N, C-alpha and C. Protein backbone atom coordinates (compact mmCIF):
# COMPACT_ATOMS: atom_id res chain seq x y z
N UNK A 1 25.10 201.78 76.74
CA UNK A 1 26.19 200.84 76.48
C UNK A 1 26.16 200.41 75.02
N UNK A 2 27.34 200.37 74.41
CA UNK A 2 27.46 199.86 73.04
C UNK A 2 27.62 198.34 73.12
N UNK A 3 26.78 197.61 72.42
CA UNK A 3 26.88 196.16 72.38
C UNK A 3 27.59 195.71 71.11
N UNK A 4 28.60 194.88 71.28
CA UNK A 4 29.39 194.39 70.15
C UNK A 4 29.09 192.92 69.89
N UNK A 5 29.00 192.56 68.63
CA UNK A 5 28.75 191.17 68.27
C UNK A 5 29.91 190.29 68.72
N UNK A 6 29.63 189.17 69.42
CA UNK A 6 30.70 188.26 69.82
C UNK A 6 31.30 187.49 68.64
N UNK A 7 30.65 187.58 67.49
CA UNK A 7 31.12 186.86 66.29
C UNK A 7 32.00 187.75 65.42
N UNK A 8 31.52 188.96 65.13
CA UNK A 8 32.25 189.85 64.23
C UNK A 8 33.02 190.95 64.95
N UNK A 9 32.61 191.26 66.18
CA UNK A 9 33.24 192.35 66.91
C UNK A 9 32.70 193.72 66.52
N UNK A 10 31.73 193.76 65.62
CA UNK A 10 31.15 195.03 65.18
C UNK A 10 30.02 195.46 66.12
N UNK A 11 29.79 196.78 66.24
CA UNK A 11 28.67 197.25 67.05
C UNK A 11 27.34 196.74 66.48
N UNK A 12 26.43 196.39 67.37
CA UNK A 12 25.11 195.91 66.96
C UNK A 12 24.23 197.10 66.61
N UNK A 13 23.63 197.05 65.42
CA UNK A 13 22.83 198.17 64.95
C UNK A 13 21.34 197.95 65.04
N UNK A 14 20.92 197.00 65.88
CA UNK A 14 19.48 196.77 66.05
C UNK A 14 19.17 196.61 67.53
N UNK A 15 17.97 197.00 67.95
CA UNK A 15 17.61 196.85 69.37
C UNK A 15 17.35 195.39 69.71
N UNK A 16 17.63 195.04 70.96
CA UNK A 16 17.38 193.69 71.45
C UNK A 16 16.22 193.75 72.44
N UNK A 17 15.17 192.99 72.17
CA UNK A 17 13.96 193.06 72.98
C UNK A 17 14.25 192.69 74.43
N UNK A 18 13.93 193.58 75.37
CA UNK A 18 14.20 193.31 76.78
C UNK A 18 13.22 192.30 77.37
N UNK A 19 13.66 191.58 78.37
CA UNK A 19 12.80 190.66 79.11
C UNK A 19 12.92 190.98 80.61
N UNK A 20 12.21 192.02 81.05
CA UNK A 20 12.30 192.38 82.47
C UNK A 20 11.77 191.27 83.36
N UNK A 21 12.32 191.21 84.58
CA UNK A 21 11.91 190.23 85.58
C UNK A 21 12.07 188.80 85.06
N UNK A 22 13.17 188.57 84.36
CA UNK A 22 13.53 187.24 83.88
C UNK A 22 14.92 186.87 84.41
N UNK A 23 15.10 185.60 84.65
CA UNK A 23 16.39 185.06 85.11
C UNK A 23 16.88 184.04 84.09
N UNK A 24 18.07 184.28 83.54
CA UNK A 24 18.64 183.37 82.54
C UNK A 24 19.51 182.34 83.24
N UNK A 25 19.19 181.06 83.07
CA UNK A 25 19.95 179.98 83.68
C UNK A 25 21.05 179.51 82.75
N UNK A 26 22.28 179.64 83.21
CA UNK A 26 23.45 179.15 82.46
C UNK A 26 23.73 177.75 82.99
N UNK A 27 23.30 176.76 82.25
CA UNK A 27 23.31 175.40 82.78
C UNK A 27 23.49 174.37 81.69
N UNK A 28 23.88 173.18 82.10
CA UNK A 28 23.98 172.07 81.17
C UNK A 28 22.60 171.70 80.65
N UNK A 29 22.53 171.42 79.36
CA UNK A 29 21.27 171.03 78.73
C UNK A 29 21.38 169.61 78.19
N UNK A 30 20.27 169.06 77.74
CA UNK A 30 20.31 167.76 77.09
C UNK A 30 19.99 166.60 78.02
N UNK A 31 19.96 165.41 77.44
CA UNK A 31 19.52 164.21 78.17
C UNK A 31 20.52 163.75 79.22
N UNK A 32 21.78 164.19 79.13
CA UNK A 32 22.79 163.76 80.10
C UNK A 32 22.90 164.69 81.30
N UNK A 33 22.00 165.64 81.41
CA UNK A 33 22.02 166.57 82.53
C UNK A 33 21.75 165.81 83.83
N UNK A 34 22.60 165.97 84.85
CA UNK A 34 22.41 165.26 86.12
C UNK A 34 21.06 165.59 86.77
N UNK A 35 20.50 164.62 87.47
CA UNK A 35 19.21 164.82 88.14
C UNK A 35 19.28 165.96 89.15
N UNK A 36 20.43 166.11 89.80
CA UNK A 36 20.56 167.16 90.81
C UNK A 36 20.47 168.54 90.17
N UNK A 37 20.94 168.69 88.94
CA UNK A 37 20.82 169.97 88.24
C UNK A 37 19.35 170.29 88.00
N UNK A 38 18.58 169.27 87.63
CA UNK A 38 17.13 169.47 87.46
C UNK A 38 16.48 169.90 88.78
N UNK A 39 16.94 169.31 89.87
CA UNK A 39 16.40 169.67 91.19
C UNK A 39 16.75 171.12 91.54
N UNK A 40 17.98 171.52 91.22
CA UNK A 40 18.40 172.91 91.47
C UNK A 40 17.54 173.87 90.67
N UNK A 41 17.30 173.53 89.41
CA UNK A 41 16.48 174.39 88.56
C UNK A 41 15.07 174.54 89.12
N UNK A 42 14.51 173.46 89.63
CA UNK A 42 13.17 173.53 90.21
C UNK A 42 13.15 174.46 91.42
N UNK A 43 14.19 174.41 92.23
CA UNK A 43 14.27 175.28 93.40
C UNK A 43 14.41 176.74 92.98
N UNK A 44 15.23 176.98 91.95
CA UNK A 44 15.39 178.34 91.44
C UNK A 44 14.07 178.86 90.89
N UNK A 45 13.38 178.02 90.12
CA UNK A 45 12.08 178.41 89.56
C UNK A 45 11.10 178.81 90.66
N UNK A 46 11.06 178.02 91.73
CA UNK A 46 10.13 178.30 92.83
C UNK A 46 10.45 179.63 93.49
N UNK A 47 11.74 179.88 93.72
CA UNK A 47 12.14 181.15 94.35
C UNK A 47 11.81 182.33 93.44
N UNK A 48 12.08 182.18 92.15
CA UNK A 48 11.82 183.27 91.21
C UNK A 48 10.32 183.54 91.09
N UNK A 49 9.52 182.49 91.06
CA UNK A 49 8.07 182.67 90.95
C UNK A 49 7.51 183.43 92.14
N UNK A 50 8.16 183.30 93.30
CA UNK A 50 7.68 183.98 94.50
C UNK A 50 7.79 185.49 94.39
N UNK A 51 8.63 186.00 93.48
CA UNK A 51 8.75 187.45 93.27
C UNK A 51 8.31 187.81 91.84
N UNK A 52 7.51 186.94 91.25
CA UNK A 52 6.95 187.19 89.92
C UNK A 52 8.02 187.27 88.83
N UNK A 53 9.06 186.46 88.96
CA UNK A 53 10.11 186.35 87.95
C UNK A 53 9.93 185.04 87.18
N UNK A 54 10.38 185.03 85.94
CA UNK A 54 10.38 183.83 85.13
C UNK A 54 11.82 183.40 84.86
N UNK A 55 12.03 182.10 84.69
CA UNK A 55 13.35 181.59 84.36
C UNK A 55 13.37 181.08 82.92
N UNK A 56 14.48 181.32 82.25
CA UNK A 56 14.67 180.85 80.89
C UNK A 56 16.08 180.28 80.77
N UNK A 57 16.32 179.50 79.73
CA UNK A 57 17.67 179.03 79.43
C UNK A 57 17.85 179.01 77.92
N UNK A 58 18.98 178.49 77.47
CA UNK A 58 19.29 178.53 76.04
C UNK A 58 18.32 177.72 75.20
N UNK A 59 17.59 176.80 75.82
CA UNK A 59 16.63 175.98 75.06
C UNK A 59 15.25 176.62 74.98
N UNK A 60 15.06 177.75 75.66
CA UNK A 60 13.75 178.40 75.69
C UNK A 60 13.35 178.91 74.31
N UNK A 61 14.33 179.40 73.57
CA UNK A 61 14.08 180.03 72.28
C UNK A 61 14.78 179.26 71.17
N UNK A 62 14.07 178.98 70.08
CA UNK A 62 14.66 178.33 68.91
C UNK A 62 14.62 179.32 67.74
N UNK A 63 15.81 179.71 67.26
CA UNK A 63 15.88 180.71 66.19
C UNK A 63 16.29 180.12 64.85
N UNK A 64 16.95 178.96 64.87
CA UNK A 64 17.46 178.39 63.62
C UNK A 64 18.67 179.13 63.09
N UNK A 65 19.22 180.02 63.93
CA UNK A 65 20.37 180.82 63.50
C UNK A 65 21.56 180.56 64.42
N UNK A 66 22.47 181.50 64.50
CA UNK A 66 23.70 181.33 65.28
C UNK A 66 23.39 181.13 66.76
N UNK A 67 23.89 180.02 67.34
CA UNK A 67 23.58 179.68 68.74
C UNK A 67 24.24 180.65 69.70
N UNK A 68 25.48 181.07 69.42
CA UNK A 68 26.18 182.00 70.30
C UNK A 68 25.48 183.35 70.33
N UNK A 69 25.06 183.82 69.16
CA UNK A 69 24.35 185.10 69.09
C UNK A 69 23.05 185.01 69.89
N UNK A 70 22.37 183.87 69.79
CA UNK A 70 21.11 183.69 70.53
C UNK A 70 21.35 183.82 72.03
N UNK A 71 22.35 183.12 72.54
CA UNK A 71 22.65 183.17 73.97
C UNK A 71 23.05 184.58 74.39
N UNK A 72 23.89 185.21 73.58
CA UNK A 72 24.37 186.57 73.86
C UNK A 72 23.19 187.54 73.96
N UNK A 73 22.24 187.43 73.04
CA UNK A 73 21.08 188.33 73.06
C UNK A 73 20.16 188.01 74.24
N UNK A 74 20.04 186.75 74.60
CA UNK A 74 19.23 186.39 75.77
C UNK A 74 19.83 186.99 77.04
N UNK A 75 21.15 186.93 77.15
CA UNK A 75 21.82 187.51 78.32
C UNK A 75 21.60 189.01 78.37
N UNK A 76 21.73 189.68 77.23
CA UNK A 76 21.51 191.13 77.19
C UNK A 76 20.09 191.47 77.63
N UNK A 77 19.14 190.62 77.29
CA UNK A 77 17.72 190.94 77.48
C UNK A 77 17.24 190.85 78.93
N UNK A 78 18.01 190.22 79.82
CA UNK A 78 17.53 189.94 81.18
C UNK A 78 18.35 190.69 82.23
N UNK A 79 17.83 190.79 83.46
CA UNK A 79 18.59 191.42 84.53
C UNK A 79 19.49 190.47 85.31
N UNK A 80 19.13 189.18 85.38
CA UNK A 80 19.83 188.22 86.24
C UNK A 80 20.29 187.01 85.44
N UNK A 81 21.52 186.57 85.72
CA UNK A 81 22.04 185.33 85.13
C UNK A 81 22.57 184.44 86.26
N UNK A 82 22.16 183.18 86.25
CA UNK A 82 22.55 182.23 87.28
C UNK A 82 23.25 181.05 86.62
N UNK A 83 24.46 180.75 87.06
CA UNK A 83 25.20 179.61 86.51
C UNK A 83 25.12 178.44 87.49
N UNK A 84 24.85 177.25 86.98
CA UNK A 84 24.75 176.04 87.80
C UNK A 84 25.90 175.11 87.44
N UNK A 85 26.72 174.78 88.45
CA UNK A 85 27.88 173.91 88.23
C UNK A 85 27.73 172.64 89.06
N UNK A 86 27.84 171.50 88.39
CA UNK A 86 27.76 170.18 89.02
C UNK A 86 29.10 169.49 88.83
N UNK A 87 29.49 168.66 89.78
CA UNK A 87 30.79 168.00 89.70
C UNK A 87 30.92 167.12 88.47
N UNK A 88 29.79 166.63 87.95
CA UNK A 88 29.83 165.74 86.79
C UNK A 88 29.60 166.47 85.46
N UNK A 89 29.51 167.80 85.51
CA UNK A 89 29.39 168.55 84.27
C UNK A 89 30.66 168.38 83.46
N UNK A 90 30.59 167.92 82.21
CA UNK A 90 31.79 167.72 81.40
C UNK A 90 32.64 168.99 81.30
N UNK A 91 33.94 168.81 81.19
CA UNK A 91 34.87 169.95 81.16
C UNK A 91 34.53 170.90 80.02
N UNK A 92 34.25 170.36 78.84
CA UNK A 92 33.92 171.22 77.70
C UNK A 92 32.66 172.03 77.97
N UNK A 93 31.69 171.39 78.60
CA UNK A 93 30.45 172.10 78.93
C UNK A 93 30.72 173.18 79.97
N UNK A 94 31.55 172.86 80.98
CA UNK A 94 31.90 173.86 81.98
C UNK A 94 32.56 175.07 81.34
N UNK A 95 33.41 174.84 80.35
CA UNK A 95 34.07 175.95 79.66
C UNK A 95 33.04 176.86 79.01
N UNK A 96 32.03 176.26 78.38
CA UNK A 96 30.97 177.06 77.76
C UNK A 96 30.18 177.85 78.80
N UNK A 97 29.88 177.19 79.93
CA UNK A 97 29.10 177.85 80.97
C UNK A 97 29.85 179.04 81.56
N UNK A 98 31.14 178.86 81.83
CA UNK A 98 31.92 179.96 82.39
C UNK A 98 32.12 181.08 81.37
N UNK A 99 32.19 180.73 80.10
CA UNK A 99 32.26 181.75 79.06
C UNK A 99 31.00 182.61 79.08
N UNK A 100 29.85 181.97 79.19
CA UNK A 100 28.58 182.71 79.25
C UNK A 100 28.50 183.56 80.51
N UNK A 101 29.02 183.04 81.62
CA UNK A 101 29.07 183.83 82.86
C UNK A 101 29.92 185.08 82.66
N UNK A 102 31.05 184.92 81.98
CA UNK A 102 31.92 186.07 81.70
C UNK A 102 31.21 187.12 80.86
N UNK A 103 30.44 186.67 79.86
CA UNK A 103 29.66 187.61 79.04
C UNK A 103 28.69 188.38 79.93
N UNK A 104 27.98 187.65 80.79
CA UNK A 104 26.98 188.28 81.66
C UNK A 104 27.62 189.32 82.57
N UNK A 105 28.76 189.00 83.15
CA UNK A 105 29.42 189.94 84.05
C UNK A 105 29.94 191.15 83.29
N UNK A 106 30.46 190.92 82.09
CA UNK A 106 30.96 192.04 81.28
C UNK A 106 29.84 192.97 80.85
N UNK A 107 28.63 192.44 80.74
CA UNK A 107 27.47 193.25 80.35
C UNK A 107 26.75 193.87 81.54
N UNK A 108 27.32 193.70 82.74
CA UNK A 108 26.76 194.34 83.92
C UNK A 108 25.54 193.65 84.51
N UNK A 109 25.36 192.37 84.22
CA UNK A 109 24.20 191.65 84.76
C UNK A 109 24.44 191.26 86.22
N UNK A 110 23.35 191.06 86.95
CA UNK A 110 23.44 190.53 88.31
C UNK A 110 23.66 189.03 88.18
N UNK A 111 24.75 188.52 88.73
CA UNK A 111 25.09 187.11 88.55
C UNK A 111 25.34 186.42 89.89
N UNK A 112 25.12 185.12 89.89
CA UNK A 112 25.43 184.29 91.06
C UNK A 112 25.79 182.89 90.57
N UNK A 113 26.74 182.26 91.25
CA UNK A 113 27.15 180.89 90.94
C UNK A 113 26.45 179.94 91.92
N UNK A 114 25.80 178.92 91.38
CA UNK A 114 25.21 177.86 92.19
C UNK A 114 26.03 176.59 91.95
N UNK A 115 26.53 175.98 93.01
CA UNK A 115 27.34 174.77 92.84
C UNK A 115 26.86 173.65 93.75
N UNK A 116 27.04 172.44 93.28
CA UNK A 116 26.76 171.28 94.12
C UNK A 116 27.91 171.11 95.10
N UNK A 117 27.69 170.43 96.23
CA UNK A 117 28.70 170.36 97.29
C UNK A 117 30.09 169.90 96.84
N UNK A 118 30.16 168.97 95.91
CA UNK A 118 31.46 168.43 95.52
C UNK A 118 32.06 169.11 94.29
N UNK A 119 31.36 170.07 93.72
CA UNK A 119 31.89 170.79 92.56
C UNK A 119 32.97 171.76 92.99
N UNK A 120 33.99 171.95 92.16
CA UNK A 120 35.08 172.88 92.46
C UNK A 120 35.00 174.09 91.55
N UNK A 121 35.49 175.22 92.08
CA UNK A 121 35.47 176.48 91.33
C UNK A 121 36.83 176.72 90.70
N UNK A 122 36.88 177.31 89.50
CA UNK A 122 38.16 177.68 88.89
C UNK A 122 38.88 178.73 89.75
N UNK A 123 40.20 178.74 89.69
CA UNK A 123 40.98 179.67 90.51
C UNK A 123 40.66 181.13 90.20
N UNK A 124 40.31 181.43 88.95
CA UNK A 124 39.98 182.81 88.58
C UNK A 124 38.71 183.30 89.27
N UNK A 125 37.90 182.38 89.78
CA UNK A 125 36.65 182.77 90.43
C UNK A 125 36.72 182.60 91.95
N UNK A 126 37.93 182.54 92.49
CA UNK A 126 38.09 182.28 93.91
C UNK A 126 37.49 183.39 94.77
N UNK A 127 37.40 184.61 94.19
CA UNK A 127 36.83 185.74 94.93
C UNK A 127 35.33 185.89 94.67
N UNK A 128 34.79 185.04 93.84
CA UNK A 128 33.37 185.14 93.48
C UNK A 128 32.50 184.42 94.51
N UNK A 129 31.53 185.14 95.05
CA UNK A 129 30.61 184.54 96.01
C UNK A 129 29.71 183.53 95.30
N UNK A 130 29.46 182.42 95.96
CA UNK A 130 28.60 181.40 95.38
C UNK A 130 27.63 180.88 96.43
N UNK A 131 26.62 180.15 95.95
CA UNK A 131 25.67 179.50 96.85
C UNK A 131 25.76 178.00 96.62
N UNK A 132 25.97 177.26 97.69
CA UNK A 132 26.02 175.81 97.58
C UNK A 132 24.61 175.24 97.71
N UNK A 133 24.33 174.22 96.92
CA UNK A 133 22.99 173.63 96.97
C UNK A 133 22.91 172.67 98.16
N UNK A 134 22.31 173.16 99.24
CA UNK A 134 22.13 172.37 100.45
C UNK A 134 20.82 172.79 101.12
N UNK A 135 20.67 172.47 102.39
CA UNK A 135 19.41 172.76 103.09
C UNK A 135 19.13 174.26 103.21
N UNK A 136 20.16 175.08 103.09
CA UNK A 136 19.99 176.53 103.21
C UNK A 136 19.85 177.22 101.86
N UNK A 137 19.76 176.44 100.79
CA UNK A 137 19.79 177.04 99.46
C UNK A 137 18.68 178.05 99.23
N UNK A 138 17.44 177.66 99.48
CA UNK A 138 16.31 178.56 99.21
C UNK A 138 16.45 179.87 99.96
N UNK A 139 16.86 179.80 101.21
CA UNK A 139 17.04 181.01 102.02
C UNK A 139 18.10 181.92 101.41
N UNK A 140 19.23 181.34 101.02
CA UNK A 140 20.32 182.16 100.48
C UNK A 140 20.00 182.69 99.09
N UNK A 141 19.34 181.88 98.27
CA UNK A 141 19.01 182.36 96.93
C UNK A 141 17.95 183.46 97.01
N UNK A 142 17.01 183.33 97.92
CA UNK A 142 16.02 184.39 98.11
C UNK A 142 16.68 185.68 98.58
N UNK A 143 17.72 185.55 99.41
CA UNK A 143 18.47 186.73 99.84
C UNK A 143 19.13 187.41 98.64
N UNK A 144 19.68 186.60 97.73
CA UNK A 144 20.29 187.15 96.52
C UNK A 144 19.26 187.91 95.69
N UNK A 145 18.07 187.34 95.55
CA UNK A 145 17.02 188.00 94.78
C UNK A 145 16.60 189.31 95.42
N UNK A 146 16.47 189.32 96.75
CA UNK A 146 16.11 190.55 97.45
C UNK A 146 17.18 191.61 97.27
N UNK A 147 18.44 191.20 97.34
CA UNK A 147 19.55 192.12 97.13
C UNK A 147 19.51 192.72 95.73
N UNK A 148 19.17 191.89 94.76
CA UNK A 148 19.07 192.36 93.38
C UNK A 148 17.95 193.39 93.22
N UNK A 149 16.82 193.13 93.83
CA UNK A 149 15.70 194.08 93.77
C UNK A 149 16.13 195.43 94.36
N UNK A 150 16.87 195.39 95.46
CA UNK A 150 17.35 196.63 96.07
C UNK A 150 18.31 197.37 95.16
N UNK A 151 19.02 196.64 94.34
CA UNK A 151 19.97 197.26 93.41
C UNK A 151 19.26 198.21 92.45
N UNK A 152 18.00 197.94 92.15
CA UNK A 152 17.26 198.81 91.23
C UNK A 152 17.15 200.22 91.81
N UNK A 153 17.01 200.32 93.12
CA UNK A 153 16.94 201.63 93.76
C UNK A 153 18.27 202.37 93.62
N UNK A 154 19.36 201.63 93.74
CA UNK A 154 20.69 202.21 93.55
C UNK A 154 20.86 202.72 92.13
N UNK A 155 20.44 201.92 91.15
CA UNK A 155 20.57 202.33 89.75
C UNK A 155 19.75 203.58 89.47
N UNK A 156 18.55 203.64 90.03
CA UNK A 156 17.70 204.82 89.84
C UNK A 156 18.35 206.06 90.44
N UNK A 157 18.95 205.89 91.61
CA UNK A 157 19.64 207.02 92.26
C UNK A 157 20.84 207.47 91.44
N UNK A 158 21.59 206.52 90.91
CA UNK A 158 22.75 206.86 90.09
C UNK A 158 22.32 207.58 88.82
N UNK A 159 21.19 207.19 88.25
CA UNK A 159 20.67 207.87 87.06
C UNK A 159 20.38 209.34 87.36
N UNK A 160 19.83 209.60 88.55
CA UNK A 160 19.53 210.97 88.95
C UNK A 160 20.82 211.78 89.12
N UNK A 161 21.87 211.12 89.57
CA UNK A 161 23.13 211.81 89.85
C UNK A 161 24.02 211.95 88.62
N UNK A 162 23.59 211.41 87.49
CA UNK A 162 24.40 211.50 86.26
C UNK A 162 23.61 212.21 85.17
N UNK A 163 22.85 213.21 85.57
CA UNK A 163 21.98 213.90 84.61
C UNK A 163 22.76 214.62 83.52
N UNK A 164 24.04 214.93 83.79
CA UNK A 164 24.86 215.58 82.77
C UNK A 164 25.54 214.57 81.85
N UNK A 165 25.27 213.30 82.08
CA UNK A 165 25.81 212.23 81.24
C UNK A 165 24.62 211.35 80.82
N UNK A 166 23.85 211.81 79.82
CA UNK A 166 22.58 211.15 79.50
C UNK A 166 22.71 209.68 79.13
N UNK A 167 23.76 209.29 78.41
CA UNK A 167 23.89 207.89 78.03
C UNK A 167 24.09 206.99 79.24
N UNK A 168 24.88 207.46 80.20
CA UNK A 168 25.08 206.68 81.42
C UNK A 168 23.79 206.61 82.23
N UNK A 169 23.07 207.74 82.31
CA UNK A 169 21.80 207.76 83.02
C UNK A 169 20.81 206.78 82.40
N UNK A 170 20.76 206.74 81.07
CA UNK A 170 19.86 205.82 80.37
C UNK A 170 20.22 204.37 80.68
N UNK A 171 21.52 204.08 80.73
CA UNK A 171 21.95 202.71 81.02
C UNK A 171 21.53 202.29 82.43
N UNK A 172 21.68 203.20 83.39
CA UNK A 172 21.23 202.89 84.76
C UNK A 172 19.72 202.66 84.80
N UNK A 173 18.97 203.50 84.08
CA UNK A 173 17.52 203.36 84.06
C UNK A 173 17.09 202.05 83.41
N UNK A 174 17.82 201.64 82.38
CA UNK A 174 17.51 200.37 81.72
C UNK A 174 17.72 199.21 82.69
N UNK A 175 18.80 199.26 83.46
CA UNK A 175 19.07 198.18 84.41
C UNK A 175 17.99 198.13 85.49
N UNK A 176 17.55 199.32 85.94
CA UNK A 176 16.48 199.36 86.94
C UNK A 176 15.18 198.81 86.36
N UNK A 177 14.91 199.13 85.10
CA UNK A 177 13.70 198.63 84.44
C UNK A 177 13.73 197.12 84.30
N UNK A 178 14.87 196.56 83.90
CA UNK A 178 14.96 195.11 83.72
C UNK A 178 14.72 194.38 85.03
N UNK A 179 15.20 194.94 86.13
CA UNK A 179 15.03 194.30 87.43
C UNK A 179 13.58 194.36 87.90
N UNK A 180 12.94 195.51 87.70
CA UNK A 180 11.61 195.72 88.28
C UNK A 180 10.45 195.62 87.29
N UNK A 181 10.72 195.89 86.01
CA UNK A 181 9.64 195.95 85.03
C UNK A 181 8.79 197.19 85.17
N UNK A 182 9.25 198.16 85.96
CA UNK A 182 8.48 199.37 86.25
C UNK A 182 8.63 200.37 85.10
N UNK A 183 7.52 200.73 84.47
CA UNK A 183 7.57 201.63 83.32
C UNK A 183 7.97 203.06 83.67
N UNK A 184 8.01 203.39 84.95
CA UNK A 184 8.42 204.75 85.31
C UNK A 184 9.86 205.02 84.85
N UNK A 185 10.67 203.97 84.76
CA UNK A 185 12.05 204.15 84.30
C UNK A 185 12.09 204.42 82.80
N UNK A 186 11.18 203.81 82.06
CA UNK A 186 11.07 204.10 80.63
C UNK A 186 10.60 205.54 80.42
N UNK A 187 9.69 205.99 81.27
CA UNK A 187 9.21 207.37 81.16
C UNK A 187 10.33 208.37 81.42
N UNK A 188 11.20 208.04 82.36
CA UNK A 188 12.33 208.93 82.64
C UNK A 188 13.29 208.99 81.45
N UNK A 189 13.43 207.87 80.75
CA UNK A 189 14.26 207.87 79.55
C UNK A 189 13.65 208.77 78.48
N UNK A 190 12.34 208.71 78.34
CA UNK A 190 11.66 209.59 77.37
C UNK A 190 11.88 211.06 77.72
N UNK A 191 11.90 211.37 79.02
CA UNK A 191 12.18 212.74 79.44
C UNK A 191 13.59 213.16 79.04
N UNK A 192 14.54 212.24 79.18
CA UNK A 192 15.92 212.53 78.78
C UNK A 192 16.00 212.76 77.28
N UNK A 193 15.27 211.94 76.52
CA UNK A 193 15.26 212.09 75.06
C UNK A 193 14.79 213.48 74.66
N UNK A 194 13.73 213.94 75.29
CA UNK A 194 13.20 215.26 74.96
C UNK A 194 14.17 216.36 75.36
N UNK A 195 14.78 216.20 76.53
CA UNK A 195 15.69 217.22 77.04
C UNK A 195 16.95 217.32 76.20
N UNK A 196 17.47 216.17 75.78
CA UNK A 196 18.73 216.14 75.03
C UNK A 196 18.52 216.27 73.53
N UNK A 197 17.26 216.28 73.10
CA UNK A 197 16.94 216.45 71.69
C UNK A 197 17.62 215.40 70.81
N UNK A 198 17.41 214.13 71.19
CA UNK A 198 17.99 213.02 70.44
C UNK A 198 17.12 212.61 69.24
N UNK A 199 15.93 213.19 69.14
CA UNK A 199 14.98 212.71 68.13
C UNK A 199 15.53 212.76 66.71
N UNK A 200 16.43 213.69 66.43
CA UNK A 200 16.94 213.84 65.08
C UNK A 200 18.06 212.87 64.74
N UNK A 201 18.48 212.07 65.71
CA UNK A 201 19.57 211.13 65.46
C UNK A 201 19.08 209.94 64.63
N UNK A 202 20.02 209.28 63.97
CA UNK A 202 19.69 208.07 63.20
C UNK A 202 19.14 207.00 64.14
N UNK A 203 18.21 206.18 63.63
CA UNK A 203 17.61 205.14 64.46
C UNK A 203 18.64 204.14 64.97
N UNK A 204 19.74 203.99 64.24
CA UNK A 204 20.78 203.05 64.66
C UNK A 204 21.87 203.74 65.48
N UNK A 205 21.66 205.00 65.87
CA UNK A 205 22.66 205.72 66.66
C UNK A 205 22.75 205.11 68.06
N UNK A 206 23.90 205.31 68.70
CA UNK A 206 24.12 204.77 70.04
C UNK A 206 23.04 205.27 71.00
N UNK A 207 22.73 206.56 70.88
CA UNK A 207 21.78 207.16 71.81
C UNK A 207 20.40 206.51 71.72
N UNK A 208 19.89 206.38 70.49
CA UNK A 208 18.54 205.84 70.33
C UNK A 208 18.48 204.33 70.56
N UNK A 209 19.53 203.61 70.19
CA UNK A 209 19.54 202.17 70.47
C UNK A 209 19.51 201.92 71.97
N UNK A 210 20.20 202.79 72.73
CA UNK A 210 20.26 202.63 74.18
C UNK A 210 18.89 202.80 74.83
N UNK A 211 18.00 203.52 74.16
CA UNK A 211 16.68 203.80 74.76
C UNK A 211 15.63 202.76 74.39
N UNK A 212 15.97 201.79 73.56
CA UNK A 212 14.99 200.82 73.09
C UNK A 212 14.79 199.69 74.10
N UNK A 213 14.02 199.97 75.11
CA UNK A 213 13.66 198.93 76.08
C UNK A 213 12.30 199.23 76.67
């Protein structure tokens, strides 16, 4: 996949360090964050830890540079993005959160919406499955995580079936690697590199950038 800068629209010419088995939380930050959002995050953390996943958000990393670029690169680096919506989340903040969700979906990430009981969903997301934070939350969120893990098997199978399209196969293998952290998918990419003789390409070429994970 070619990644384009959300600021300039130009293709990105550098690799973005992957963070396999990480979940990026798209959520309100700061001192005005509702207590219930903190409670939701704790529940998500517990569920993720049970499958050896870590959770991060926009405050995890401090770069001193462009905030949008930082979030965009964090989303690219992970397999899962979870958005948390509370009824008291300010409208401007909700706009930012949904924008980040759109980025995640456009980049092919596994996504899920978590909402508090009284929060409402935008009409454009009426077909989007969500999990409500209630007594069944842990069970349903764990089901989502299990479903995501199974997706890695699908991606690996698709990579095998697209052997005549090496860039697509590499993208599937990268997605499987991000979900599982299994280096066997990286080894398969190296096999593709040797077979397709990409070694002579420029380091900033689409082919070689796609393999940097």
